[in-house]
Amino acid sequence: LIVALAIPVSLVATFGLVWLFGFTLNTMTLLGMTLAVGVVIDDAIVVLENIERHREQGETAREAAKRGTREIAFAATAATISVAAVFIPVFFVEGLVGSFLGEFGLVVAGSVMISLFVALTVTPMLAARMPPPKPRRPGSIYTRLERGFQGFESSYRRVLETSLRHRAITATLTLASLGLAAYFGSELKTEFFPPSDEGIFFSNSEALPGTSLQASLEYLEHDEAWFLAQPEVVGVFSAAGTGGGYDPTSRSNRSMIFGTLASNEKRTRSVMDVIGQARKDLGSVPGRQIRIFNPGDSMMSRGGSFDVDLRGNLSLEELDRISDEFVAGLAANPGFVDLDKSLKLGLPELVVTPDRDKAAAMGVDARAIAQTIQMMVGGVDVGTFKEEGRRYDIRMRVEGEDRADPEAIGALYVRNGAGEPVALRNLVSVEMGAAASEITRIDRQRSVNVSANLEGIKLAEAVEYAEKVAAEVLPPEMTLAMSGEAEAMREGNEQFALAMMLGVLVIYMILAAQFESLVHPLTVMLALPLSMVGALGGLLLFGHSLNIFSMIGIILLFGLVTKNSILLVDYANQLRRGGMDKVEAMRTAAPIRMRPVLMTAISMIFGVLPAALGIGPGSETRAPMAIATAMGMFSSTLLTLLVVPVFYLLLDDASEFVKRNFRRIFGSGATGEAEAIKP
């Protein structure tokens, strides 16, 4: 109960921090609180375990609380500051990644700092007032667990002794584990957002250019009937004449459907299963192209999880031909579905060409011809009408049946300079032609956006394949540029690499200042690469990718895993200051610190277990973060208990070797300076 008290106190105070900094309770802040549940009790566990160890040695509750807290205060403070410090570089991260990390980092860093205050004040105060434990029965759960811990401790002592005697073998196995982590990382697939089943889907149908609104409505009714016949679908919203979503342009050849599915427990198929079946059944309808996707897979793209731009100042015909070749190259990979491009030639166009000689002969201004056609065919706002506090725009143009035929333009009249009406058929020629549906430019270059949904491949694989196709298809004057989630993924990877490097640097600087040593922080930080074995291996084992959420979990892991090493190194230094030999100090410190190390690691793993198991809606985004944190903590704990003691002695021996050679080379005059270099 004393340990658990840190959870509500820390989280309630964290709510205050969120409010103070102007954040909201959203996915990232709540996820940070979820993961912090297993972290905020670490300091209380370490402090209380050390107090109980002193009580078992015969000290009174008050004496044990004082000595136990004083003895562990430095290690607990150093460990907690390391967790909070790893999020300091977050303030240097820009863009969308910075927005995600900022709120998450504030919650985690704030909660652990508050938990440290609780552990160093409230926990010893309550422990000092605890009555002495009652005698335990031989067959009680406590006795059995204690017997198990003692047996585990004895086994650990034997394994530790073996690793200390064979330091070279331990170092070799450590390097092998790092190589294994690198292999796991190379096998992981990369994306920006993991796909999630949010129970919604979006369908966008586009018929041939020039298709009437009535024909699009018939396509829409067919698609709507199919979706409503699916038992998982509980409702749809549909519209004809618009693409909806990221492209709400009104066009007669487009239609859209937005649908919702029943909750997860009330359906047997996921949203991706429904979408896959819809692509097979509705994609075979001739005369149109349909794109069906899960909005949870494409948070930043224009209707697809893959989005790139082809840029170059070529003619529209050349751009159309090259973009068709590029799309055909992508279509050769079955992982690309719902392929589409923004440039579409062939949109019916009515070209009205005035005969300037005839217009001049009849005294008609060319501008008057243009204004007449615009007003009568396109329409123009001529005034407003107000009634009961409402305002209505008055738009004037001829009736629909009088402008449906191209010949209707010739039947219009325009007045010449003398005020006489002149029929437009005598002044203009009307021809049917074809034009592009839209022409886009980016950085003063013509651009064609190519988008698709992905099925069975990750975003990084899609980008790599697209770059390969672009190298084969695009001429030198055209370039391939990432867009949407592909661009965000590339920028995010760079920002995460910066955050990780700065995080490691900040942790080292803080530990160097706290230990007053340049070597001991290296021993402590050895847990960072050791944790990557479990983090990357866990993601690979459970079929997750390296995405924004798993990377956030790895950054959090960097702050957590140093705790175990700090507990070992700090206690070994205390024993050495008491006059104990360094090898004996580590032999003594490691088994004593084994229990709090295991307790904090287990509490962290169980704290993120619900998120790792994927319980509840939207669990697809939480699971990678939790798995990376839990598995990394697991591997780091096991390897830290064996590897850190060995490297503590190896680095200390190396430090002494450097000092001896420094004195030998520079003589006794440099002894004072050499002795100032602490291990």
Foldseek 3Di string as FASTA:
>chain_A
DLLQVLLVVLQVVLVVVCVVVPHDPDDQLVLLSLLLSLVLSLLLLQLVLQLVVVVVVPDAQLVSLVVSLVQCLLLLVLLLVLLLLLLPCLVVFDDPLSVNSVSSSSSNNSSNVSSSVCNNPVSSVVSNPDDDDDDDDCPDPVNVVVVVLVVVLVVLLVLQVVCQVVVVVLVVVLVVLLVLLVVLQVPFAEFAFFFFQPQKKKKKKFFDAPDALVVQVVLVVVLVVVQVPDQFWDDKDKDAQARDDPGGHGHSRMMMMMTGGDDPVVDDDTPVVVQVVCCVPSCPDPRMHMQMDDCSCFVWDRRANFKKKKWFADDLVVVVVLVVLLQVLLVVDVFWASKDKQKDKFNKDKDKAWDVVQCVVQQHDPVQLVVQCCCAAVWDFDAWDDDPRDIGTDIGYDDPVLRVDPCSSQQDWTAGPVRDTDGCVRTIDIDMDMGIPDWDDDPNTTMMMIHTYGDPHHRVVSVVSSVVSCVVRPDPRMDMGGDRRNVVSVSSVVSLVVSSVVSLVSSQVSVCVSVVANQLSVLLQSLLSQLSSQLSVLCVVVVHHDYSQLSSLSSSLSSNLSSLLSQQVSQLVVVVVVPDDSLVSSSVRLSSSLVSLVVSLVSSLVSLVVLLVQPDGPSSRSNSSSSSNNRSSVRSSVSSSRNSSSVVVVSQVVLVVVLVVVCVVVHPVCNVVSVSRDD
